[in-house]
Amino acid sequence: MSDRPPLLEDWAGFRPSRRFLRLGSQRTGRPRRVRRVVVGLGRRFWRGAELAVLLVATVILGQIILREVPGPLRLRYFQIRDLTVEGNRRVPTATIIDSLGLPAHASIIGVNLKELAGRIMGNPWIRTASVSRRLPASLVIRVSERTPQTIVLAGRAYLVSDDGLILKEAGPDEMFGLPRLTVKVEHPIHPGDRIDISHLELGTRLWQQFHRHALMPGVQAREIRLETDGSCTVFLDRGMPYLRVQEDDLLWQLDRLARVLQIRGISLRELEYVDLRFADKVIVKPLPKEREA
């Protein structure tokens, strides 16, 4: 070995190992990642702080307005001045507005919208109702109405909707073209009460079948009475017998009646009533001789 100091040429030939470089790069990368995490957390913190400050400022401003602005001024600004009703055809707009029961100088902010909608739906003609605000001083009311589907005879004639709700007493001019069903009730019924919808569906179905000339052309049902045993009594046009039928397979029952009439050589007008409730027989009762004549 030589005692001379190392020359620049010797240092120029030095090559550090890859392991040394890798360890060095790892040591310098960690502080950078830590700094990035800290910067990211700082940004999120300041964003959250800005939102919190904005929320607090809004609350404070609202409290100042409520405390400093006179009550009468607030009341006049938010006082309900306009009511809009949409979707009604049968129920007058004035009737719907009156059902709200709003006090004088009511504030649009202070009213309970669900409660107002419930008051409107107290009218049996209203199926659904919703109330919404339109600031600063308008309420918008949207309704959908029920339509009469059946005439129910229970002491009096009533218009009944498809979901079984009694709408009102039916006048003579309102009974044309609707199925007429007679039901037995244990107590008087009133508008707003409900009828068992299964009975209504059965009676309406029979009515429609008869009006499609299920029996014979020109013979239609005038009234259908729903019996307590599940059967029905069908009253035909005047001068025709009444029929006792079961709910199931009405067309098959009427076909049996047509064959009996053909075999016996008689017409419907010669009969007082027909009972089709039994699977093995058809019962017919002819008119008395004096009535036949």
C-alpha atoms as a PDB file:
ATOM      1  CA  MET A   1       0.000   0.000   0.000  1.00  0.00           C
ATOM      2  CA  SER A   2       1.115   3.529  -0.736  1.00  0.00           C
ATOM      3  CA  ASP A   3       1.194   6.379   1.762  1.00  0.00           C
ATOM      4  CA  ARG A   4       0.153   8.953  -0.801  1.00  0.00           C
ATOM      5  CA  PRO A   5      -3.158  10.681  -0.425  1.00  0.00           C
ATOM      6  CA  PRO A   6      -5.958   9.548  -2.721  1.00  0.00           C
ATOM      7  CA  LEU A   7      -6.165  11.313  -5.997  1.00  0.00           C
ATOM      8  CA  LEU A   8      -9.240  12.778  -7.709  1.00  0.00           C
ATOM      9  CA  GLU A   9      -9.005  10.038 -10.281  1.00  0.00           C
ATOM     10  CA  ASP A  10      -9.559   7.440  -7.554  1.00  0.00           C
ATOM     11  CA  TRP A  11     -12.778   9.167  -6.305  1.00  0.00           C
ATOM     12  CA  ALA A  12     -14.009   9.430  -9.835  1.00  0.00           C
ATOM     13  CA  GLY A  13     -14.086   5.675 -10.086  1.00  0.00           C
ATOM     14  CA  PHE A  14     -16.201   5.241  -6.927  1.00  0.00           C
ATOM     15  CA  ARG A  15     -19.664   3.710  -7.480  1.00  0.00           C
ATOM     16  CA  PRO A  16     -22.017   3.453  -4.461  1.00  0.00           C
ATOM     17  CA  SER A  17     -24.004   0.239  -4.146  1.00  0.00           C
ATOM     18  CA  ARG A  18     -27.716   0.048  -5.154  1.00  0.00           C
ATOM     19  CA  ARG A  19     -28.673  -0.993  -1.630  1.00  0.00           C
ATOM     20  CA  PHE A  20     -27.180   2.212  -0.274  1.00  0.00           C
ATOM     21  CA  LEU A  21     -29.099   4.275  -2.794  1.00  0.00           C
ATOM     22  CA  ARG A  22     -32.382   2.453  -2.031  1.00  0.00           C
ATOM     23  CA  LEU A  23     -32.072   3.032   1.696  1.00  0.00           C
ATOM     24  CA  GLY A  24     -31.301   6.668   1.139  1.00  0.00           C
ATOM     25  CA  SER A  25     -34.298   7.191  -1.124  1.00  0.00           C
ATOM     26  CA  GLN A  26     -36.617   5.567   1.449  1.00  0.00           C
ATOM     27  CA  ARG A  27     -35.397   7.895   4.142  1.00  0.00           C
ATOM     28  CA  THR A  28     -36.042  11.002   2.039  1.00  0.00           C
ATOM     29  CA  GLY A  29     -39.550   9.805   0.771  1.00  0.00           C
ATOM     30  CA  ARG A  30     -41.210   9.413   4.183  1.00  0.00           C
ATOM     31  CA  PRO A  31     -41.099  13.092   5.162  1.00  0.00           C
ATOM     32  CA  ARG A  32     -42.648  13.983   1.794  1.00  0.00           C
ATOM     33  CA  ARG A  33     -45.586  11.623   2.319  1.00  0.00           C
ATOM     34  CA  VAL A  34     -46.099  12.891   5.833  1.00  0.00           C
ATOM     35  CA  ARG A  35     -46.132  16.443   4.546  1.00  0.00           C
ATOM     36  CA  ARG A  36     -48.723  15.563   1.888  1.00  0.00           C
ATOM     37  CA  VAL A  37     -50.995  13.921   4.502  1.00  0.00           C
ATOM     38  CA  VAL A  38     -50.676  16.901   6.806  1.00  0.00           C
ATOM     39  CA  VAL A  39     -51.475  19.316   3.974  1.00  0.00           C
ATOM     40  CA  GLY A  40     -54.545  17.250   2.953  1.00  0.00           C
ATOM     41  CA  LEU A  41     -55.839  17.103   6.511  1.00  0.00           C
ATOM     42  CA  GLY A  42     -55.291  20.808   6.835  1.00  0.00           C
ATOM     43  CA  ARG A  43     -57.365  21.555   3.756  1.00  0.00           C
ATOM     44  CA  ARG A  44     -60.251  19.346   4.990  1.00  0.00           C
ATOM     45  CA  PHE A  45     -60.043  20.979   8.393  1.00  0.00           C
ATOM     46  CA  TRP A  46     -60.323  24.466   6.946  1.00  0.00           C
ATOM     47  CA  ARG A  47     -63.197  23.470   4.682  1.00  0.00           C
ATOM     48  CA  GLY A  48     -65.067  21.999   7.648  1.00  0.00           C
ATOM     49  CA  ALA A  49     -64.277  25.085   9.672  1.00  0.00           C
ATOM     50  CA  GLU A  50     -65.674  27.330   6.923  1.00  0.00           C
ATOM     51  CA  LEU A  51     -68.931  25.327   6.813  1.00  0.00           C
ATOM     52  CA  ALA A  52     -69.222  25.442  10.599  1.00  0.00           C
ATOM     53  CA  VAL A  53     -68.677  29.190  10.629  1.00  0.00           C
ATOM     54  CA  LEU A  54     -71.279  29.638   7.885  1.00  0.00           C
ATOM     55  CA  LEU A  55     -73.818  27.528   9.800  1.00  0.00           C
ATOM     56  CA  VAL A  56     -73.221  29.420  13.032  1.00  0.00           C
ATOM     57  CA  ALA A  57     -73.522  32.751  11.207  1.00  0.00           C
ATOM     58  CA  THR A  58     -76.828  31.652   9.639  1.00  0.00           C
ATOM     59  CA  VAL A  59     -78.242  30.631  13.022  1.00  0.00           C
ATOM     60  CA  ILE A  60     -77.117  33.881  14.621  1.00  0.00           C
ATOM     61  CA  LEU A  61     -78.569  35.917  11.754  1.00  0.00           C
ATOM     62  CA  GLY A  62     -81.901  34.089  12.067  1.00  0.00           C
ATOM     63  CA  GLN A  63     -82.002  34.765  15.787  1.00  0.00           C
ATOM     64  CA  ILE A  64     -81.237  38.426  15.205  1.00  0.00           C
ATOM     65  CA  ILE A  65     -84.046  38.680  12.644  1.00  0.00           C
ATOM     66  CA  LEU A  66     -86.502  36.965  14.975  1.00  0.00           C
ATOM     67  CA  ARG A  67     -85.452  39.236  17.842  1.00  0.00           C
ATOM     68  CA  GLU A  68     -85.060  42.539  16.054  1.00  0.00           C
ATOM     69  CA  VAL A  69     -87.670  42.406  13.266  1.00  0.00           C
ATOM     70  CA  PRO A  70     -91.095  43.222  14.698  1.00  0.00           C
ATOM     71  CA  GLY A  71     -93.593  40.366  14.813  1.00  0.00           C
ATOM     72  CA  PRO A  72     -96.311  42.204  12.857  1.00  0.00           C
ATOM     73  CA  LEU A  73     -93.858  42.874  10.041  1.00  0.00           C
ATOM     74  CA  ARG A  74     -92.894  39.198   9.823  1.00  0.00           C
ATOM     75  CA  LEU A  75     -96.554  38.212   9.945  1.00  0.00           C
ATOM     76  CA  ARG A  76     -97.508  40.540   7.093  1.00  0.00           C
ATOM     77  CA  TYR A  77     -94.635  39.341   4.897  1.00  0.00           C
ATOM     78  CA  PHE A  78     -95.424  35.608   5.313  1.00  0.00           C
ATOM     79  CA  GLN A  79     -99.186  35.956   5.599  1.00  0.00           C
ATOM     80  CA  ILE A  80    -100.978  33.567   3.204  1.00  0.00           C
ATOM     81  CA  ARG A  81    -102.381  35.685   0.392  1.00  0.00           C
ATOM     82  CA  ASP A  82    -102.922  33.169  -2.396  1.00  0.00           C
ATOM     83  CA  LEU A  83    -104.407  29.648  -2.510  1.00  0.00           C
ATOM     84  CA  THR A  84    -104.227  27.539  -5.671  1.00  0.00           C
ATOM     85  CA  VAL A  85    -106.286  24.337  -6.043  1.00  0.00           C
ATOM     86  CA  GLU A  86    -105.469  21.815  -8.792  1.00  0.00           C
ATOM     87  CA  GLY A  87    -107.069  18.529  -9.871  1.00  0.00           C
ATOM     88  CA  ASN A  88    -110.653  19.100  -8.682  1.00  0.00           C
ATOM     89  CA  ARG A  89    -113.601  18.656 -11.022  1.00  0.00           C
ATOM     90  CA  ARG A  90    -116.569  17.731  -8.864  1.00  0.00           C
ATOM     91  CA  VAL A  91    -115.648  19.396  -5.576  1.00  0.00           C
ATOM     92  CA  PRO A  92    -115.796  23.212  -5.830  1.00  0.00           C
ATOM     93  CA  THR A  93    -112.580  25.099  -5.147  1.00  0.00           C
ATOM     94  CA  ALA A  94    -114.289  27.147  -2.456  1.00  0.00           C
ATOM     95  CA  THR A  95    -115.318  23.969  -0.631  1.00  0.00           C
ATOM     96  CA  ILE A  96    -111.725  22.702  -0.571  1.00  0.00           C
ATOM     97  CA  ILE A  97    -110.398  26.047   0.686  1.00  0.00           C
ATOM     98  CA  ASP A  98    -113.063  26.227   3.395  1.00  0.00           C
ATOM     99  CA  SER A  99    -112.140  22.712   4.587  1.00  0.00           C
ATOM    100  CA  LEU A 100    -108.619  23.958   5.446  1.00  0.00           C
ATOM    101  CA  GLY A 101    -109.988  25.962   8.350  1.00  0.00           C
ATOM    102  CA  LEU A 102    -107.186  28.543   8.112  1.00  0.00           C
ATOM    103  CA  PRO A 103    -107.430  31.363  10.683  1.00  0.00           C
ATOM    104  CA  ALA A 104    -107.281  34.971   9.598  1.00  0.00           C
ATOM    105  CA  HIS A 105    -103.745  36.248   8.894  1.00  0.00           C
ATOM    106  CA  ALA A 106    -102.329  32.695   8.947  1.00  0.00           C
ATOM    107  CA  SER A 107     -98.577  32.506   8.285  1.00  0.00           C
ATOM    108  CA  ILE A 108     -97.274  30.250   5.549  1.00  0.00           C
ATOM    109  CA  ILE A 109     -94.407  29.222   7.830  1.00  0.00           C
ATOM    110  CA  GLY A 110     -96.579  28.323  10.784  1.00  0.00           C
ATOM    111  CA  VAL A 111     -99.095  25.998   9.077  1.00  0.00           C
ATOM    112  CA  ASN A 112     -98.795  22.196   9.257  1.00  0.00           C
ATOM    113  CA  LEU A 113     -99.028  20.909   5.683  1.00  0.00           C
ATOM    114  CA  LYS A 114     -99.883  17.296   6.602  1.00  0.00           C
ATOM    115  CA  GLU A 115    -102.648  18.452   8.886  1.00  0.00           C
ATOM    116  CA  LEU A 116    -104.124  20.642   6.140  1.00  0.00           C
ATOM    117  CA  ALA A 117    -104.060  17.715   3.674  1.00  0.00           C
ATOM    118  CA  GLY A 118    -105.838  15.531   6.237  1.00  0.00           C
ATOM    119  CA  ARG A 119    -108.604  18.112   6.603  1.00  0.00           C
ATOM    120  CA  ILE A 120    -109.147  18.147   2.846  1.00  0.00           C
ATOM    121  CA  MET A 121    -109.373  14.353   2.719  1.00  0.00           C
ATOM    122  CA  GLY A 122    -112.213  14.496   5.219  1.00  0.00           C
ATOM    123  CA  ASN A 123    -114.396  15.086   2.151  1.00  0.00           C
ATOM    124  CA  PRO A 124    -115.379  11.615   0.828  1.00  0.00           C
ATOM    125  CA  TRP A 125    -115.023  12.824  -2.768  1.00  0.00           C
ATOM    126  CA  ILE A 126    -111.289  13.504  -2.260  1.00  0.00           C
ATOM    127  CA  ARG A 127    -109.113  10.411  -2.750  1.00  0.00           C
ATOM    128  CA  THR A 128    -105.688  12.053  -2.211  1.00  0.00           C
ATOM    129  CA  ALA A 129    -104.548  15.547  -1.247  1.00  0.00           C
ATOM    130  CA  SER A 130    -101.225  17.313  -0.820  1.00  0.00           C
ATOM    131  CA  VAL A 131    -100.371  20.867   0.241  1.00  0.00           C
ATOM    132  CA  SER A 132     -97.081  22.627  -0.532  1.00  0.00           C
ATOM    133  CA  ARG A 133     -95.626  26.081   0.102  1.00  0.00           C
ATOM    134  CA  ARG A 134     -94.709  28.552  -2.593  1.00  0.00           C
ATOM    135  CA  LEU A 135     -92.806  31.316  -0.814  1.00  0.00           C
ATOM    136  CA  PRO A 136     -93.335  33.942   0.228  1.00  0.00           C
ATOM    137  CA  ALA A 137     -97.138  33.777   0.590  1.00  0.00           C
ATOM    138  CA  SER A 138     -98.824  31.023  -1.502  1.00  0.00           C
ATOM    139  CA  LEU A 139    -100.174  27.542  -0.793  1.00  0.00           C
ATOM    140  CA  VAL A 140    -100.641  25.029  -3.617  1.00  0.00           C
ATOM    141  CA  ILE A 141    -103.253  22.288  -3.083  1.00  0.00           C
ATOM    142  CA  ARG A 142    -103.302  19.246  -5.371  1.00  0.00           C
ATOM    143  CA  VAL A 143    -106.144  16.719  -5.135  1.00  0.00           C
ATOM    144  CA  SER A 144    -107.458  13.654  -6.933  1.00  0.00           C
ATOM    145  CA  GLU A 145    -111.142  12.811  -6.741  1.00  0.00           C
ATOM    146  CA  ARG A 146    -113.197   9.656  -6.509  1.00  0.00           C
ATOM    147  CA  THR A 147    -115.809   8.848  -9.128  1.00  0.00           C
ATOM    148  CA  PRO A 148    -119.106   7.018  -8.482  1.00  0.00           C
ATOM    149  CA  GLN A 149    -119.085   3.450  -9.769  1.00  0.00           C
ATOM    150  CA  THR A 150    -122.180   1.897  -8.182  1.00  0.00           C
ATOM    151  CA  ILE A 151    -125.588   2.754  -6.773  1.00  0.00           C
ATOM    152  CA  VAL A 152    -126.029   1.011  -3.418  1.00  0.00           C
ATOM    153  CA  LEU A 153    -129.609   0.613  -2.176  1.00  0.00           C
ATOM    154  CA  ALA A 154    -129.701   0.368   1.622  1.00  0.00           C
ATOM    155  CA  GLY A 155    -132.891   2.054   2.671  1.00  0.00           C
ATOM    156  CA  ARG A 156    -131.845   4.946   0.442  1.00  0.00           C
ATOM    157  CA  ALA A 157    -129.848   5.157  -2.770  1.00  0.00           C
ATOM    158  CA  TYR A 158    -126.190   6.133  -2.428  1.00  0.00           C
ATOM    159  CA  LEU A 159    -123.401   6.846  -4.872  1.00  0.00           C
ATOM    160  CA  VAL A 160    -120.437   4.590  -4.026  1.00  0.00           C
ATOM    161  CA  SER A 161    -116.862   4.778  -5.360  1.00  0.00           C
ATOM    162  CA  ASP A 162    -114.791   1.867  -6.631  1.00  0.00           C
ATOM    163  CA  ASP A 163    -113.043   1.541  -3.246  1.00  0.00           C
ATOM    164  CA  GLY A 164    -116.356   1.181  -1.386  1.00  0.00           C
ATOM    165  CA  LEU A 165    -116.681   4.693   0.047  1.00  0.00           C
ATOM    166  CA  ILE A 166    -120.171   6.188   0.192  1.00  0.00           C
ATOM    167  CA  LEU A 167    -120.009   9.567  -1.522  1.00  0.00           C
ATOM    168  CA  LYS A 168    -123.529  10.985  -1.181  1.00  0.00           C
ATOM    169  CA  GLU A 169    -127.198  10.195  -1.556  1.00  0.00           C
ATOM    170  CA  ALA A 170    -128.057   9.615  -5.200  1.00  0.00           C
ATOM    171  CA  GLY A 171    -130.628  11.753  -6.916  1.00  0.00           C
ATOM    172  CA  PRO A 172    -132.932  10.374  -9.658  1.00  0.00           C
ATOM    173  CA  ASP A 173    -130.818  11.932 -12.412  1.00  0.00           C
ATOM    174  CA  GLU A 174    -127.613  10.358 -11.007  1.00  0.00           C
ATOM    175  CA  MET A 175    -128.781   6.736 -11.072  1.00  0.00           C
ATOM    176  CA  PHE A 176    -128.831   6.251 -14.813  1.00  0.00           C
ATOM    177  CA  GLY A 177    -126.235   3.882 -16.278  1.00  0.00           C
ATOM    178  CA  LEU A 178    -124.722   2.683 -12.975  1.00  0.00           C
ATOM    179  CA  PRO A 179    -125.093  -0.807 -11.458  1.00  0.00           C
ATOM    180  CA  ARG A 180    -127.752  -0.937  -8.742  1.00  0.00           C
ATOM    181  CA  LEU A 181    -126.893  -3.193  -5.842  1.00  0.00           C
ATOM    182  CA  THR A 182    -129.091  -3.868  -2.822  1.00  0.00           C
ATOM    183  CA  VAL A 183    -127.176  -4.733   0.351  1.00  0.00           C
ATOM    184  CA  LYS A 184    -128.357  -5.610   3.845  1.00  0.00           C
ATOM    185  CA  VAL A 185    -126.809  -3.462   6.552  1.00  0.00           C
ATOM    186  CA  GLU A 186    -127.114  -3.734  10.324  1.00  0.00           C
ATOM    187  CA  HIS A 187    -127.183   0.028  10.914  1.00  0.00           C
ATOM    188  CA  PRO A 188    -127.882   3.140   8.856  1.00  0.00           C
ATOM    189  CA  ILE A 189    -125.094   4.240   6.549  1.00  0.00           C
ATOM    190  CA  HIS A 190    -123.972   7.762   5.760  1.00  0.00           C
ATOM    191  CA  PRO A 191    -121.585   9.521   3.352  1.00  0.00           C
ATOM    192  CA  GLY A 192    -118.028   8.713   4.382  1.00  0.00           C
ATOM    193  CA  ASP A 193    -118.838   5.139   5.493  1.00  0.00           C
ATOM    194  CA  ARG A 194    -117.434   2.132   3.649  1.00  0.00           C
ATOM    195  CA  ILE A 195    -119.100  -0.879   2.053  1.00  0.00           C
ATOM    196  CA  ASP A 196    -117.377  -4.268   1.797  1.00  0.00           C
ATOM    197  CA  ILE A 197    -115.601  -3.959  -1.531  1.00  0.00           C
ATOM    198  CA  SER A 198    -115.852  -7.715  -2.233  1.00  0.00           C
ATOM    199  CA  HIS A 199    -119.651  -7.413  -2.366  1.00  0.00           C
ATOM    200  CA  LEU A 200    -119.410  -4.459  -4.707  1.00  0.00           C
ATOM    201  CA  GLU A 201    -117.052  -6.282  -7.049  1.00  0.00           C
ATOM    202  CA  LEU A 202    -119.358  -9.304  -7.188  1.00  0.00           C
ATOM    203  CA  GLY A 203    -122.481  -7.257  -7.889  1.00  0.00           C
ATOM    204  CA  THR A 204    -120.751  -5.083 -10.468  1.00  0.00           C
ATOM    205  CA  ARG A 205    -119.378  -8.143 -12.265  1.00  0.00           C
ATOM    206  CA  LEU A 206    -122.826  -9.738 -12.478  1.00  0.00           C
ATOM    207  CA  TRP A 207    -124.347  -6.481 -13.665  1.00  0.00           C
ATOM    208  CA  GLN A 208    -121.790  -6.170 -16.463  1.00  0.00           C
ATOM    209  CA  GLN A 209    -122.346  -9.760 -17.582  1.00  0.00           C
ATOM    210  CA  PHE A 210    -126.079  -9.266 -17.840  1.00  0.00           C
ATOM    211  CA  HIS A 211    -125.640  -6.025 -19.742  1.00  0.00           C
ATOM    212  CA  ARG A 212    -123.481  -7.854 -22.270  1.00  0.00           C
ATOM    213  CA  HIS A 213    -126.596  -9.881 -23.158  1.00  0.00           C
ATOM    214  CA  ALA A 214    -125.416 -12.944 -21.235  1.00  0.00           C
ATOM    215  CA  LEU A 215    -128.998 -14.196 -20.967  1.00  0.00           C
ATOM    216  CA  MET A 216    -130.520 -13.100 -24.267  1.00  0.00           C
ATOM    217  CA  PRO A 217    -130.595  -9.918 -26.350  1.00  0.00           C
ATOM    218  CA  GLY A 218    -132.748  -7.204 -24.814  1.00  0.00           C
ATOM    219  CA  VAL A 219    -132.881  -8.770 -21.323  1.00  0.00           C
ATOM    220  CA  GLN A 220    -130.949  -6.784 -18.741  1.00  0.00           C
ATOM    221  CA  ALA A 221    -130.588  -6.640 -14.995  1.00  0.00           C
ATOM    222  CA  ARG A 222    -132.573  -3.887 -13.269  1.00  0.00           C
ATOM    223  CA  GLU A 223    -131.253  -4.524  -9.759  1.00  0.00           C
ATOM    224  CA  ILE A 224    -129.003  -7.061  -8.024  1.00  0.00           C
ATOM    225  CA  ARG A 225    -129.503  -7.974  -4.383  1.00  0.00           C
ATOM    226  CA  LEU A 226    -126.546  -9.451  -2.528  1.00  0.00           C
ATOM    227  CA  GLU A 227    -127.769 -12.173  -0.166  1.00  0.00           C
ATOM    228  CA  THR A 228    -126.150 -13.111   3.148  1.00  0.00           C
ATOM    229  CA  ASP A 229    -125.419 -16.690   1.977  1.00  0.00           C
ATOM    230  CA  GLY A 230    -123.160 -15.475  -0.849  1.00  0.00           C
ATOM    231  CA  SER A 231    -125.744 -15.872  -3.602  1.00  0.00           C
ATOM    232  CA  CYS A 232    -127.418 -13.090  -5.557  1.00  0.00           C
ATOM    233  CA  THR A 233    -130.939 -12.270  -6.598  1.00  0.00           C
ATOM    234  CA  VAL A 234    -131.098 -10.634 -10.012  1.00  0.00           C
ATOM    235  CA  PHE A 235    -134.208  -8.614 -10.839  1.00  0.00           C
ATOM    236  CA  LEU A 236    -134.665  -8.344 -14.587  1.00  0.00           C
ATOM    237  CA  ASP A 237    -136.694  -5.869 -16.615  1.00  0.00           C
ATOM    238  CA  ARG A 238    -140.341  -5.487 -15.753  1.00  0.00           C
ATOM    239  CA  GLY A 239    -142.442  -8.446 -16.861  1.00  0.00           C
ATOM    240  CA  MET A 240    -139.488 -10.814 -16.356  1.00  0.00           C
ATOM    241  CA  PRO A 241    -138.840 -13.285 -13.497  1.00  0.00           C
ATOM    242  CA  TYR A 242    -136.174 -12.757 -10.878  1.00  0.00           C
ATOM    243  CA  LEU A 243    -133.215 -15.146 -10.787  1.00  0.00           C
ATOM    244  CA  ARG A 244    -131.354 -16.720  -7.862  1.00  0.00           C
ATOM    245  CA  VAL A 245    -127.758 -17.366  -8.940  1.00  0.00           C
ATOM    246  CA  GLN A 246    -124.378 -18.225  -7.461  1.00  0.00           C
ATOM    247  CA  GLU A 247    -121.299 -16.127  -7.947  1.00  0.00           C
ATOM    248  CA  ASP A 248    -119.309 -18.825  -9.758  1.00  0.00           C
ATOM    249  CA  ASP A 249    -119.707 -19.466 -13.473  1.00  0.00           C
ATOM    250  CA  LEU A 250    -122.746 -17.353 -14.209  1.00  0.00           C
ATOM    251  CA  LEU A 251    -122.634 -18.095 -17.940  1.00  0.00           C
ATOM    252  CA  TRP A 252    -122.867 -21.855 -17.289  1.00  0.00           C
ATOM    253  CA  GLN A 253    -125.903 -21.312 -15.053  1.00  0.00           C
ATOM    254  CA  LEU A 254    -127.652 -19.194 -17.677  1.00  0.00           C
ATOM    255  CA  ASP A 255    -126.877 -21.780 -20.368  1.00  0.00           C
ATOM    256  CA  ARG A 256    -128.631 -24.414 -18.249  1.00  0.00           C
ATOM    257  CA  LEU A 257    -131.650 -22.115 -17.982  1.00  0.00           C
ATOM    258  CA  ALA A 258    -131.770 -21.653 -21.747  1.00  0.00           C
ATOM    259  CA  ARG A 259    -131.796 -25.445 -22.267  1.00  0.00           C
ATOM    260  CA  VAL A 260    -134.601 -25.918 -19.728  1.00  0.00           C
ATOM    261  CA  LEU A 261    -136.704 -23.265 -21.456  1.00  0.00           C
ATOM    262  CA  GLN A 262    -136.111 -24.950 -24.803  1.00  0.00           C
ATOM    263  CA  ILE A 263    -137.013 -28.413 -23.473  1.00  0.00           C
ATOM    264  CA  ARG A 264    -140.209 -27.218 -21.799  1.00  0.00           C
ATOM    265  CA  GLY A 265    -141.131 -24.915 -24.670  1.00  0.00           C
ATOM    266  CA  ILE A 266    -141.731 -21.836 -22.534  1.00  0.00           C
ATOM    267  CA  SER A 267    -140.326 -18.305 -22.389  1.00  0.00           C
ATOM    268  CA  LEU A 268    -138.972 -16.222 -19.546  1.00  0.00           C
ATOM    269  CA  ARG A 269    -142.095 -14.065 -19.424  1.00  0.00           C
ATOM    270  CA  GLU A 270    -144.102 -17.140 -18.384  1.00  0.00           C
ATOM    271  CA  LEU A 271    -142.037 -17.618 -15.215  1.00  0.00           C
ATOM    272  CA  GLU A 272    -142.262 -16.005 -11.787  1.00  0.00           C
ATOM    273  CA  TYR A 273    -138.758 -16.901 -10.654  1.00  0.00           C
ATOM    274  CA  VAL A 274    -135.804 -19.189 -11.502  1.00  0.00           C
ATOM    275  CA  ASP A 275    -133.362 -20.750  -9.027  1.00  0.00           C
ATOM    276  CA  LEU A 276    -129.962 -21.671 -10.517  1.00  0.00           C
ATOM    277  CA  ARG A 277    -128.002 -22.162  -7.281  1.00  0.00           C
ATOM    278  CA  PHE A 278    -127.936 -25.969  -7.434  1.00  0.00           C
ATOM    279  CA  ALA A 279    -125.517 -27.987  -9.541  1.00  0.00           C
ATOM    280  CA  ASP A 280    -127.894 -30.889 -10.254  1.00  0.00           C
ATOM    281  CA  LYS A 281    -131.159 -29.073 -10.989  1.00  0.00           C
ATOM    282  CA  VAL A 282    -132.811 -25.917 -12.217  1.00  0.00           C
ATOM    283  CA  ILE A 283    -135.927 -24.766 -10.381  1.00  0.00           C
ATOM    284  CA  VAL A 284    -138.484 -22.743 -12.341  1.00  0.00           C
ATOM    285  CA  LYS A 285    -141.839 -21.509 -11.089  1.00  0.00           C
ATOM    286  CA  PRO A 286    -144.436 -20.603 -13.734  1.00  0.00           C
ATOM    287  CA  LEU A 287    -146.680 -17.603 -13.284  1.00  0.00           C
ATOM    288  CA  PRO A 288    -150.118 -18.274 -11.817  1.00  0.00           C
ATOM    289  CA  LYS A 289    -152.758 -18.845 -14.502  1.00  0.00           C
ATOM    290  CA  GLU A 290    -154.667 -15.652 -13.671  1.00  0.00           C
ATOM    291  CA  ARG A 291    -151.476 -13.554 -13.996  1.00  0.00           C
ATOM    292  CA  GLU A 292    -150.568 -15.329 -17.223  1.00  0.00           C
ATOM    293  CA  ALA A 293    -153.875 -14.340 -18.716  1.00  0.00           C
END
